[in-house]
């Protein structure tokens, strides 16, 4: 049980594996142009609410919200030989590989703060079966019926507060910065280290 709980927690914390999306701001001092579904789509100078989605290990997406227009969703391909960091590290995506007219220089920083472990009693449910019979002039028919039972269990857990900072810089052919995306994501999770039987 403990292994399943911890694996689920790590799935949430890892950037790439679970398709995580983080909201932030894109700031660009010059007009940007992205390849979107075979067309060139412009983003004017400004500061735009933007989300970054680590769609898979092979793709990163920027979704840029421009008032009065449809959102611009720019997809960047990621080479298998140059994977993105799961929790901490820097990364680089070259224009020739990503499918966009910019190189990307980025970083991911993740910090965890765990509370002290504590005990608690909490509600729970479990499934059981009971036998139900129908009586007719031709005889009796009995069958098993599933039933949800409510109970209590003892648990031991700690709370993990996680902060993730993401930086995603768009670079021109001369390596100057055309735009910068920055985001901070905070999350709290209850991580169980023990669960008793539900009764």
N, C-alpha and C. Protein backbone atom coordinates (compact mmCIF):
# COMPACT_ATOMS: atom_id res chain seq x y z
N UNK A 1 0.82 -1.20 0.00
CA UNK A 1 0.00 0.00 0.00
C UNK A 1 0.86 1.26 0.00
N UNK A 2 1.91 1.27 0.85
CA UNK A 2 2.78 2.44 0.93
C UNK A 2 3.41 2.75 -0.41
N UNK A 3 3.85 1.73 -1.12
CA UNK A 3 4.50 1.94 -2.42
C UNK A 3 3.53 2.60 -3.39
N UNK A 4 2.28 2.16 -3.42
CA UNK A 4 1.29 2.75 -4.32
C UNK A 4 1.04 4.21 -3.97
N UNK A 5 0.99 4.53 -2.68
CA UNK A 5 0.73 5.90 -2.26
C UNK A 5 1.85 6.82 -2.69
N UNK A 6 3.10 6.40 -2.46
CA UNK A 6 4.24 7.24 -2.79
C UNK A 6 4.42 7.40 -4.29
N UNK A 7 4.15 6.35 -5.06
CA UNK A 7 4.24 6.46 -6.52
C UNK A 7 3.25 7.49 -7.03
N UNK A 8 2.04 7.49 -6.49
CA UNK A 8 1.04 8.48 -6.88
C UNK A 8 1.48 9.88 -6.58
N UNK A 9 2.13 10.06 -5.44
CA UNK A 9 2.60 11.39 -5.08
C UNK A 9 3.69 11.87 -6.02
N UNK A 10 4.63 11.01 -6.38
CA UNK A 10 5.71 11.40 -7.27
C UNK A 10 5.19 11.72 -8.66
N UNK A 11 4.13 11.04 -9.08
CA UNK A 11 3.53 11.32 -10.39
C UNK A 11 3.05 12.76 -10.45
N UNK A 12 2.47 13.23 -9.35
CA UNK A 12 1.97 14.60 -9.30
C UNK A 12 3.11 15.60 -9.30
N UNK A 13 4.21 15.27 -8.64
CA UNK A 13 5.30 16.23 -8.48
C UNK A 13 6.19 16.31 -9.71
N UNK A 14 6.31 15.23 -10.45
CA UNK A 14 7.16 15.24 -11.63
C UNK A 14 6.54 16.09 -12.72
N UNK A 15 7.36 16.86 -13.42
CA UNK A 15 6.84 17.74 -14.47
C UNK A 15 6.39 16.98 -15.69
N UNK A 16 7.24 16.11 -16.20
CA UNK A 16 7.02 15.54 -17.52
C UNK A 16 6.03 14.39 -17.51
N UNK A 17 6.17 13.48 -16.57
CA UNK A 17 5.51 12.19 -16.67
C UNK A 17 3.99 12.25 -16.70
N UNK A 18 3.41 13.23 -16.05
CA UNK A 18 1.96 13.21 -15.88
C UNK A 18 1.23 14.34 -16.60
N UNK A 19 1.88 15.01 -17.53
CA UNK A 19 1.22 16.07 -18.29
C UNK A 19 0.85 17.27 -17.45
N UNK A 20 1.72 17.71 -16.58
CA UNK A 20 1.41 18.81 -15.68
C UNK A 20 1.34 20.14 -16.41
N UNK A 21 0.42 21.01 -15.96
CA UNK A 21 0.27 22.35 -16.50
C UNK A 21 0.52 23.37 -15.39
N UNK A 22 1.32 24.40 -15.68
CA UNK A 22 1.63 25.45 -14.72
C UNK A 22 1.33 26.80 -15.34
N UNK A 23 0.62 27.66 -14.59
CA UNK A 23 0.27 29.00 -15.08
C UNK A 23 1.35 30.01 -14.72
N UNK A 24 1.57 30.98 -15.63
CA UNK A 24 2.56 32.01 -15.38
C UNK A 24 2.37 33.18 -16.32
N UNK A 25 3.45 33.93 -16.56
CA UNK A 25 3.41 35.10 -17.44
C UNK A 25 4.50 35.01 -18.50
N UNK A 26 4.14 35.34 -19.73
CA UNK A 26 5.10 35.48 -20.82
C UNK A 26 5.31 36.96 -21.06
N UNK A 27 6.57 37.41 -21.00
CA UNK A 27 6.91 38.80 -21.25
C UNK A 27 7.79 38.88 -22.49
N UNK A 28 7.37 39.65 -23.48
CA UNK A 28 8.16 39.77 -24.71
C UNK A 28 8.28 41.24 -25.11
N UNK A 29 9.51 41.68 -25.35
CA UNK A 29 9.78 43.07 -25.72
C UNK A 29 9.80 43.26 -27.23
N UNK A 30 9.61 42.18 -27.96
CA UNK A 30 9.47 42.25 -29.42
C UNK A 30 8.38 41.28 -29.84
N UNK A 31 7.79 41.52 -31.01
CA UNK A 31 6.73 40.64 -31.50
C UNK A 31 7.29 39.24 -31.73
N UNK A 32 6.50 38.23 -31.33
CA UNK A 32 6.90 36.84 -31.51
C UNK A 32 6.09 36.21 -32.62
N UNK A 33 6.63 35.15 -33.17
CA UNK A 33 5.94 34.41 -34.22
C UNK A 33 6.13 32.92 -33.97
N UNK A 34 5.02 32.18 -33.93
CA UNK A 34 5.07 30.75 -33.67
C UNK A 34 4.46 29.96 -34.82
N UNK A 35 4.95 28.76 -35.02
CA UNK A 35 4.37 27.84 -35.99
C UNK A 35 3.23 27.08 -35.32
N UNK A 36 2.01 27.32 -35.78
CA UNK A 36 0.83 26.68 -35.20
C UNK A 36 0.05 26.00 -36.32
N UNK A 37 0.05 24.69 -36.33
CA UNK A 37 -0.69 23.92 -37.33
C UNK A 37 -0.35 24.35 -38.75
N UNK A 38 0.94 24.54 -39.01
CA UNK A 38 1.40 24.87 -40.35
C UNK A 38 1.30 26.33 -40.72
N UNK A 39 0.84 27.18 -39.80
CA UNK A 39 0.73 28.61 -40.07
C UNK A 39 1.57 29.41 -39.08
N UNK A 40 2.00 30.59 -39.52
CA UNK A 40 2.74 31.47 -38.65
C UNK A 40 1.75 32.37 -37.90
N UNK A 41 1.79 32.33 -36.56
CA UNK A 41 0.86 33.10 -35.74
C UNK A 41 1.66 34.09 -34.88
N UNK A 42 1.27 35.37 -34.93
CA UNK A 42 2.01 36.42 -34.25
C UNK A 42 1.48 36.67 -32.84
N UNK A 43 2.40 37.02 -31.97
CA UNK A 43 2.08 37.45 -30.60
C UNK A 43 2.69 38.84 -30.41
N UNK A 44 1.88 39.87 -30.20
CA UNK A 44 2.42 41.23 -30.09
C UNK A 44 3.23 41.44 -28.81
N UNK A 45 3.95 42.53 -28.76
CA UNK A 45 4.73 42.89 -27.57
C UNK A 45 3.80 43.04 -26.37
N UNK A 46 4.21 42.55 -25.22
CA UNK A 46 3.39 42.70 -24.03
C UNK A 46 3.70 41.67 -22.97
N UNK A 47 2.80 41.59 -22.00
CA UNK A 47 2.87 40.58 -20.94
C UNK A 47 1.57 39.80 -21.00
N UNK A 48 1.66 38.50 -21.15
CA UNK A 48 0.48 37.68 -21.42
C UNK A 48 0.37 36.54 -20.42
N UNK A 49 -0.86 36.34 -19.93
CA UNK A 49 -1.11 35.16 -19.10
C UNK A 49 -0.90 33.92 -19.97
N UNK A 50 -0.03 33.05 -19.51
CA UNK A 50 0.38 31.90 -20.31
C UNK A 50 0.51 30.68 -19.41
N UNK A 51 0.16 29.53 -19.94
CA UNK A 51 0.39 28.28 -19.22
C UNK A 51 1.37 27.42 -20.01
N UNK A 52 2.17 26.69 -19.29
CA UNK A 52 3.09 25.76 -19.92
C UNK A 52 2.62 24.35 -19.56
N UNK A 53 2.50 23.52 -20.56
CA UNK A 53 2.05 22.15 -20.33
C UNK A 53 3.13 21.18 -20.80
N UNK A 54 3.57 20.35 -19.90
CA UNK A 54 4.51 19.29 -20.24
C UNK A 54 3.67 18.10 -20.69
N UNK A 55 3.23 18.20 -21.96
CA UNK A 55 2.22 17.27 -22.48
C UNK A 55 2.68 15.82 -22.43
N UNK A 56 3.96 15.60 -22.68
CA UNK A 56 4.55 14.27 -22.63
C UNK A 56 6.05 14.44 -22.59
N UNK A 57 6.77 13.34 -22.58
CA UNK A 57 8.23 13.42 -22.60
C UNK A 57 8.74 13.92 -23.96
N UNK A 58 7.84 13.98 -24.95
CA UNK A 58 8.24 14.37 -26.30
C UNK A 58 7.72 15.75 -26.71
N UNK A 59 6.97 16.43 -25.82
CA UNK A 59 6.34 17.67 -26.24
C UNK A 59 6.09 18.61 -25.06
N UNK A 60 6.35 19.90 -25.30
CA UNK A 60 6.02 20.97 -24.36
C UNK A 60 5.15 21.98 -25.11
N UNK A 61 4.11 22.49 -24.44
CA UNK A 61 3.22 23.45 -25.10
C UNK A 61 3.13 24.73 -24.29
N UNK A 62 3.19 25.86 -25.00
CA UNK A 62 2.88 27.17 -24.41
C UNK A 62 1.51 27.58 -24.90
N UNK A 63 0.61 27.90 -23.97
CA UNK A 63 -0.72 28.36 -24.33
C UNK A 63 -0.84 29.82 -23.89
N UNK A 64 -0.85 30.72 -24.86
CA UNK A 64 -0.77 32.16 -24.61
C UNK A 64 -2.15 32.80 -24.78
N UNK A 65 -2.64 33.44 -23.73
CA UNK A 65 -3.96 34.08 -23.76
C UNK A 65 -3.81 35.55 -24.15
N UNK A 66 -4.39 35.91 -25.31
CA UNK A 66 -4.36 37.29 -25.80
C UNK A 66 -5.80 37.79 -25.85
N UNK A 67 -6.15 38.79 -25.05
CA UNK A 67 -7.53 39.29 -25.01
C UNK A 67 -8.06 39.64 -26.40
N UNK A 68 -9.28 39.20 -26.69
CA UNK A 68 -9.92 39.50 -27.97
C UNK A 68 -9.52 38.58 -29.09
N UNK A 69 -8.67 37.60 -28.80
CA UNK A 69 -8.22 36.65 -29.82
C UNK A 69 -8.27 35.24 -29.26
N UNK A 70 -8.20 34.27 -30.17
CA UNK A 70 -8.05 32.89 -29.74
C UNK A 70 -6.67 32.71 -29.11
N UNK A 71 -6.59 31.83 -28.13
CA UNK A 71 -5.30 31.53 -27.52
C UNK A 71 -4.33 30.99 -28.56
N UNK A 72 -3.08 31.33 -28.39
CA UNK A 72 -2.02 30.80 -29.26
C UNK A 72 -1.36 29.63 -28.54
N UNK A 73 -1.45 28.45 -29.13
CA UNK A 73 -0.83 27.26 -28.53
C UNK A 73 0.35 26.82 -29.38
N UNK A 74 1.54 27.06 -28.86
CA UNK A 74 2.77 26.73 -29.58
C UNK A 74 3.36 25.45 -29.00
N UNK A 75 3.58 24.48 -29.86
CA UNK A 75 4.09 23.18 -29.45
C UNK A 75 5.59 23.07 -29.76
N UNK A 76 6.36 22.61 -28.78
CA UNK A 76 7.80 22.41 -28.94
C UNK A 76 8.11 20.92 -28.79
N UNK A 77 8.73 20.35 -29.80
CA UNK A 77 9.11 18.94 -29.72
C UNK A 77 10.36 18.78 -28.86
N UNK A 78 10.42 17.67 -28.15
CA UNK A 78 11.55 17.37 -27.28
C UNK A 78 12.20 16.07 -27.75
N UNK A 79 13.50 16.11 -28.00
CA UNK A 79 14.20 14.92 -28.44
C UNK A 79 14.36 13.92 -27.30
N UNK A 80 14.25 12.65 -27.64
CA UNK A 80 14.44 11.60 -26.64
C UNK A 80 15.85 11.64 -26.06
N UNK A 81 16.81 12.07 -26.88
CA UNK A 81 18.20 12.13 -26.43
C UNK A 81 18.48 13.34 -25.54
N UNK A 82 17.50 14.25 -25.42
CA UNK A 82 17.69 15.46 -24.63
C UNK A 82 16.45 15.69 -23.76
N UNK A 83 16.18 14.79 -22.80
CA UNK A 83 14.94 14.87 -22.03
C UNK A 83 14.90 16.07 -21.08
N UNK A 84 13.68 16.47 -20.74
CA UNK A 84 13.49 17.56 -19.79
C UNK A 84 13.72 17.05 -18.37
N UNK A 85 14.18 17.92 -17.47
CA UNK A 85 14.37 17.50 -16.07
C UNK A 85 13.04 17.19 -15.41
N UNK A 86 13.02 16.18 -14.55
CA UNK A 86 11.80 15.80 -13.86
C UNK A 86 11.46 16.76 -12.72
N UNK A 87 12.47 17.16 -11.95
CA UNK A 87 12.21 18.05 -10.82
C UNK A 87 13.18 19.24 -10.78
N UNK A 88 14.46 19.00 -11.03
CA UNK A 88 15.46 20.05 -10.96
C UNK A 88 16.43 19.94 -12.12
N UNK A 89 16.85 21.10 -12.65
CA UNK A 89 17.85 21.08 -13.70
C UNK A 89 17.55 22.12 -14.78
N UNK A 90 18.47 22.21 -15.71
CA UNK A 90 18.32 23.11 -16.85
C UNK A 90 18.05 22.30 -18.12
N UNK A 91 17.53 22.96 -19.14
CA UNK A 91 17.29 22.27 -20.40
C UNK A 91 17.43 23.26 -21.55
N UNK A 92 17.63 22.72 -22.74
CA UNK A 92 17.76 23.53 -23.95
C UNK A 92 17.06 22.81 -25.09
N UNK A 93 16.26 23.54 -25.83
CA UNK A 93 15.58 23.03 -27.02
C UNK A 93 16.03 23.85 -28.20
N UNK A 94 16.57 23.19 -29.22
CA UNK A 94 17.03 23.91 -30.40
C UNK A 94 15.90 24.06 -31.41
N UNK A 95 15.90 25.18 -32.09
CA UNK A 95 14.86 25.46 -33.08
C UNK A 95 14.76 24.37 -34.13
N UNK A 96 15.90 23.87 -34.57
CA UNK A 96 15.91 22.86 -35.63
C UNK A 96 15.24 21.55 -35.20
N UNK A 97 15.14 21.35 -33.89
CA UNK A 97 14.52 20.13 -33.37
C UNK A 97 13.09 20.36 -32.89
N UNK A 98 12.82 21.55 -32.34
CA UNK A 98 11.54 21.80 -31.69
C UNK A 98 10.41 22.11 -32.65
N UNK A 99 10.75 22.62 -33.85
CA UNK A 99 9.71 23.01 -34.80
C UNK A 99 9.25 24.44 -34.65
N UNK A 100 9.90 25.20 -33.77
CA UNK A 100 9.57 26.60 -33.58
C UNK A 100 10.77 27.47 -33.98
N UNK A 101 10.54 28.77 -34.30
CA UNK A 101 11.63 29.62 -34.80
C UNK A 101 12.56 30.14 -33.70
N UNK A 102 12.47 29.60 -32.50
CA UNK A 102 13.31 30.05 -31.40
C UNK A 102 14.00 28.87 -30.73
N UNK A 103 15.23 29.10 -30.30
CA UNK A 103 15.85 28.18 -29.35
C UNK A 103 15.24 28.46 -27.99
N UNK A 104 15.31 27.47 -27.11
CA UNK A 104 14.77 27.63 -25.77
C UNK A 104 15.85 27.30 -24.75
N UNK A 105 16.00 28.18 -23.78
CA UNK A 105 16.86 27.91 -22.63
C UNK A 105 15.98 27.98 -21.39
N UNK A 106 15.94 26.90 -20.63
CA UNK A 106 15.01 26.88 -19.50
C UNK A 106 15.58 26.20 -18.28
N UNK A 107 14.82 26.28 -17.22
CA UNK A 107 15.22 25.63 -15.97
C UNK A 107 14.00 25.26 -15.16
N UNK A 108 14.19 24.26 -14.32
CA UNK A 108 13.15 23.81 -13.39
C UNK A 108 13.80 23.69 -12.01
N UNK A 109 13.15 24.28 -11.01
CA UNK A 109 13.64 24.17 -9.63
C UNK A 109 12.48 23.74 -8.74
N UNK A 110 12.68 22.65 -8.02
CA UNK A 110 11.64 22.11 -7.16
C UNK A 110 12.15 21.98 -5.73
N UNK A 111 11.38 22.46 -4.78
CA UNK A 111 11.74 22.32 -3.38
C UNK A 111 10.58 21.68 -2.62
N UNK A 112 10.91 20.85 -1.62
CA UNK A 112 9.92 20.17 -0.80
C UNK A 112 10.15 20.51 0.67
N UNK A 113 9.07 20.75 1.38
CA UNK A 113 9.12 20.92 2.84
C UNK A 113 8.11 19.96 3.45
N UNK A 114 8.58 19.03 4.27
CA UNK A 114 7.71 18.02 4.87
C UNK A 114 7.40 18.37 6.32
N UNK A 115 6.15 18.19 6.72
CA UNK A 115 5.75 18.40 8.10
C UNK A 115 6.17 17.20 8.94
N UNK A 116 5.98 17.30 10.24
CA UNK A 116 6.22 16.16 11.10
C UNK A 116 5.15 15.10 10.86
N UNK A 117 5.51 13.85 11.06
CA UNK A 117 4.56 12.76 10.87
C UNK A 117 3.54 12.79 12.00
N UNK A 118 2.28 12.46 11.67
CA UNK A 118 1.23 12.46 12.68
C UNK A 118 0.24 11.33 12.46
N UNK A 119 -0.45 10.96 13.54
CA UNK A 119 -1.48 9.92 13.51
C UNK A 119 -2.85 10.57 13.45
N UNK A 120 -3.80 9.84 12.83
CA UNK A 120 -5.17 10.36 12.75
C UNK A 120 -6.13 9.22 12.47
N UNK A 121 -7.37 9.37 12.94
CA UNK A 121 -8.44 8.44 12.58
C UNK A 121 -9.30 9.11 11.52
N UNK A 122 -9.58 8.39 10.43
CA UNK A 122 -10.37 8.98 9.35
C UNK A 122 -11.38 7.99 8.82
N UNK A 123 -12.41 8.53 8.18
CA UNK A 123 -13.44 7.67 7.59
C UNK A 123 -12.91 6.97 6.36
N UNK A 124 -13.53 5.84 6.03
CA UNK A 124 -13.12 5.05 4.86
C UNK A 124 -14.30 4.19 4.42
N UNK A 125 -14.15 3.55 3.29
CA UNK A 125 -15.18 2.63 2.79
C UNK A 125 -14.52 1.36 2.30
N UNK A 126 -15.27 0.29 2.32
CA UNK A 126 -14.81 -0.96 1.73
C UNK A 126 -16.01 -1.71 1.16
N UNK A 127 -15.73 -2.63 0.26
CA UNK A 127 -16.78 -3.37 -0.41
C UNK A 127 -16.95 -4.76 0.22
N UNK A 128 -18.21 -5.16 0.39
CA UNK A 128 -18.52 -6.51 0.85
C UNK A 128 -19.73 -7.01 0.06
N UNK A 129 -20.11 -8.24 0.28
CA UNK A 129 -21.26 -8.82 -0.42
C UNK A 129 -22.25 -9.39 0.59
N UNK A 130 -23.52 -9.29 0.28
CA UNK A 130 -24.53 -9.95 1.10
C UNK A 130 -25.45 -10.75 0.19
N UNK A 131 -26.06 -11.73 0.75
CA UNK A 131 -26.92 -12.62 -0.04
C UNK A 131 -28.36 -12.15 0.01
N UNK A 132 -28.96 -12.03 -1.15
CA UNK A 132 -30.36 -11.63 -1.26
C UNK A 132 -31.13 -12.73 -1.95
N UNK A 133 -32.30 -13.06 -1.41
CA UNK A 133 -33.09 -14.15 -1.97
C UNK A 133 -34.48 -13.67 -2.40
N UNK A 134 -34.93 -14.18 -3.49
CA UNK A 134 -36.29 -13.92 -3.97
C UNK A 134 -37.10 -15.21 -3.84
N UNK A 135 -38.25 -15.08 -3.20
CA UNK A 135 -39.10 -16.26 -2.97
C UNK A 135 -40.30 -16.21 -3.91
N UNK A 136 -40.50 -17.28 -4.67
CA UNK A 136 -41.63 -17.38 -5.61
C UNK A 136 -42.28 -18.75 -5.44
N UNK A 137 -43.48 -18.92 -6.00
CA UNK A 137 -44.14 -20.24 -5.92
C UNK A 137 -43.30 -21.36 -6.56
N UNK A 138 -42.42 -20.98 -7.46
CA UNK A 138 -41.61 -21.99 -8.14
C UNK A 138 -40.30 -22.30 -7.41
N UNK A 139 -40.05 -21.61 -6.32
CA UNK A 139 -38.80 -21.88 -5.58
C UNK A 139 -38.13 -20.58 -5.13
N UNK A 140 -36.96 -20.76 -4.63
CA UNK A 140 -36.18 -19.63 -4.09
C UNK A 140 -34.92 -19.41 -4.93
N UNK A 141 -34.67 -18.16 -5.28
CA UNK A 141 -33.46 -17.79 -6.02
C UNK A 141 -32.64 -16.83 -5.17
N UNK A 142 -31.38 -17.19 -4.91
CA UNK A 142 -30.50 -16.35 -4.11
C UNK A 142 -29.28 -15.91 -4.93
N UNK A 143 -28.82 -14.72 -4.67
CA UNK A 143 -27.66 -14.21 -5.39
C UNK A 143 -26.90 -13.21 -4.50
N UNK A 144 -25.66 -12.97 -4.91
CA UNK A 144 -24.78 -12.10 -4.12
C UNK A 144 -24.89 -10.66 -4.63
N UNK A 145 -25.01 -9.72 -3.70
CA UNK A 145 -25.16 -8.31 -4.04
C UNK A 145 -24.02 -7.51 -3.38
N UNK A 146 -23.27 -6.72 -4.18
CA UNK A 146 -22.19 -5.91 -3.59
C UNK A 146 -22.75 -4.77 -2.74
N UNK A 147 -22.02 -4.42 -1.69
CA UNK A 147 -22.47 -3.38 -0.77
C UNK A 147 -21.27 -2.56 -0.30
N UNK A 148 -21.44 -1.23 -0.27
CA UNK A 148 -20.40 -0.35 0.25
C UNK A 148 -20.63 -0.14 1.74
N UNK A 149 -19.57 -0.40 2.52
CA UNK A 149 -19.66 -0.26 3.97
C UNK A 149 -18.77 0.91 4.42
N UNK A 150 -19.29 1.77 5.27
CA UNK A 150 -18.53 2.91 5.79
C UNK A 150 -17.93 2.54 7.14
N UNK A 151 -16.67 2.94 7.32
CA UNK A 151 -16.00 2.62 8.57
C UNK A 151 -14.94 3.64 8.92
N UNK A 152 -13.99 3.20 9.78
CA UNK A 152 -12.90 4.05 10.24
C UNK A 152 -11.58 3.31 10.10
N UNK A 153 -10.51 4.06 9.97
CA UNK A 153 -9.18 3.46 9.93
C UNK A 153 -8.18 4.41 10.59
N UNK A 154 -7.10 3.84 11.10
CA UNK A 154 -6.01 4.61 11.66
C UNK A 154 -4.97 4.85 10.55
N UNK A 155 -4.49 6.08 10.47
CA UNK A 155 -3.51 6.42 9.43
C UNK A 155 -2.34 7.19 10.06
N UNK A 156 -1.21 7.07 9.41
CA UNK A 156 -0.05 7.89 9.75
C UNK A 156 0.37 8.61 8.48
N UNK A 157 0.67 9.90 8.56
CA UNK A 157 0.96 10.67 7.35
C UNK A 157 1.79 11.90 7.69
N UNK A 158 2.31 12.53 6.63
CA UNK A 158 2.90 13.86 6.75
C UNK A 158 2.43 14.69 5.57
N UNK A 159 2.50 16.01 5.70
CA UNK A 159 2.08 16.92 4.64
C UNK A 159 3.33 17.45 3.94
N UNK A 160 3.35 17.34 2.63
CA UNK A 160 4.48 17.82 1.83
C UNK A 160 4.06 19.06 1.05
N UNK A 161 4.71 20.18 1.34
CA UNK A 161 4.50 21.42 0.58
C UNK A 161 5.57 21.50 -0.51
N UNK A 162 5.13 21.64 -1.74
CA UNK A 162 6.05 21.64 -2.88
C UNK A 162 5.94 22.95 -3.65
N UNK A 163 7.09 23.52 -3.98
CA UNK A 163 7.15 24.72 -4.82
C UNK A 163 7.97 24.41 -6.06
N UNK A 164 7.41 24.68 -7.23
CA UNK A 164 8.12 24.47 -8.50
C UNK A 164 8.22 25.80 -9.23
N UNK A 165 9.44 26.14 -9.63
CA UNK A 165 9.68 27.35 -10.40
C UNK A 165 10.15 26.95 -11.80
N UNK A 166 9.52 27.51 -12.81
CA UNK A 166 9.85 27.18 -14.20
C UNK A 166 10.23 28.45 -14.95
N UNK A 167 11.33 28.39 -15.67
CA UNK A 167 11.76 29.49 -16.53
C UNK A 167 11.92 28.95 -17.95
N UNK A 168 11.39 29.68 -18.93
CA UNK A 168 11.35 29.22 -20.32
C UNK A 168 11.68 30.43 -21.19
N UNK A 169 12.93 30.57 -21.61
CA UNK A 169 13.37 31.73 -22.38
C UNK A 169 13.43 31.42 -23.87
N UNK A 170 12.82 32.29 -24.68
CA UNK A 170 12.83 32.15 -26.13
C UNK A 170 13.99 32.98 -26.69
N UNK A 171 14.87 32.32 -27.42
CA UNK A 171 16.08 32.97 -27.92
C UNK A 171 16.07 33.10 -29.44
N UNK A 172 16.55 34.23 -29.93
CA UNK A 172 16.65 34.45 -31.37
C UNK A 172 17.88 33.75 -31.92
N UNK A 173 18.08 33.88 -33.24
CA UNK A 173 19.24 33.26 -33.87
C UNK A 173 20.56 33.82 -33.34
N UNK A 174 20.53 35.07 -32.84
CA UNK A 174 21.73 35.68 -32.28
C UNK A 174 21.84 35.43 -30.78
N UNK A 175 20.96 34.59 -30.23
CA UNK A 175 20.94 34.19 -28.82
C UNK A 175 20.50 35.32 -27.89
N UNK A 176 19.84 36.34 -28.43
CA UNK A 176 19.24 37.35 -27.56
C UNK A 176 17.85 36.87 -27.13
N UNK A 177 17.37 37.37 -26.01
CA UNK A 177 16.09 36.92 -25.46
C UNK A 177 14.93 37.67 -26.11
N UNK A 178 14.08 36.92 -26.81
CA UNK A 178 12.90 37.52 -27.45
C UNK A 178 11.70 37.53 -26.51
N UNK A 179 11.66 36.58 -25.60
CA UNK A 179 10.56 36.51 -24.64
C UNK A 179 10.92 35.56 -23.51
N UNK A 180 10.34 35.80 -22.35
CA UNK A 180 10.61 34.97 -21.18
C UNK A 180 9.30 34.58 -20.50
N UNK A 181 9.17 33.29 -20.24
CA UNK A 181 8.03 32.79 -19.48
C UNK A 181 8.52 32.38 -18.10
N UNK A 182 7.81 32.84 -17.06
CA UNK A 182 8.16 32.49 -15.69
C UNK A 182 6.90 32.07 -14.94
N UNK A 183 7.04 31.03 -14.13
CA UNK A 183 5.89 30.54 -13.38
C UNK A 183 6.34 29.93 -12.07
N UNK A 184 5.48 30.04 -11.07
CA UNK A 184 5.69 29.40 -9.77
C UNK A 184 4.43 28.63 -9.43
N UNK A 185 4.58 27.35 -9.11
CA UNK A 185 3.45 26.50 -8.78
C UNK A 185 3.64 25.95 -7.37
N UNK A 186 2.60 26.08 -6.54
CA UNK A 186 2.68 25.57 -5.17
C UNK A 186 1.59 24.54 -4.94
N UNK A 187 1.95 23.49 -4.19
CA UNK A 187 1.02 22.39 -3.98
C UNK A 187 1.29 21.76 -2.61
N UNK A 188 0.22 21.30 -1.97
CA UNK A 188 0.34 20.57 -0.70
C UNK A 188 -0.32 19.21 -0.84
N UNK A 189 0.34 18.19 -0.32
CA UNK A 189 -0.17 16.83 -0.39
C UNK A 189 -0.06 16.13 0.94
N UNK A 190 -1.08 15.35 1.26
CA UNK A 190 -1.01 14.47 2.42
C UNK A 190 -0.44 13.13 1.94
N UNK A 191 0.69 12.73 2.46
CA UNK A 191 1.35 11.51 2.03
C UNK A 191 1.28 10.49 3.17
N UNK A 192 0.58 9.39 2.92
CA UNK A 192 0.39 8.36 3.94
C UNK A 192 1.62 7.44 4.02
N UNK A 193 1.99 7.13 5.24
CA UNK A 193 3.06 6.15 5.46
C UNK A 193 2.52 4.86 6.08
N UNK A 194 1.27 4.91 6.56
CA UNK A 194 0.62 3.72 7.10
C UNK A 194 -0.89 3.90 7.07
N UNK A 195 -1.59 2.82 6.73
CA UNK A 195 -3.05 2.82 6.78
C UNK A 195 -3.50 1.48 7.36
N UNK A 196 -4.33 1.52 8.40
CA UNK A 196 -4.84 0.29 8.96
C UNK A 196 -6.02 -0.22 8.14
N UNK A 197 -6.51 -1.40 8.47
CA UNK A 197 -7.66 -1.97 7.77
C UNK A 197 -8.89 -1.15 8.09
N UNK A 198 -9.71 -0.92 7.10
CA UNK A 198 -10.96 -0.19 7.28
C UNK A 198 -11.96 -1.10 7.96
N UNK A 199 -12.55 -0.63 9.09
CA UNK A 199 -13.52 -1.44 9.84
C UNK A 199 -14.78 -0.63 10.16
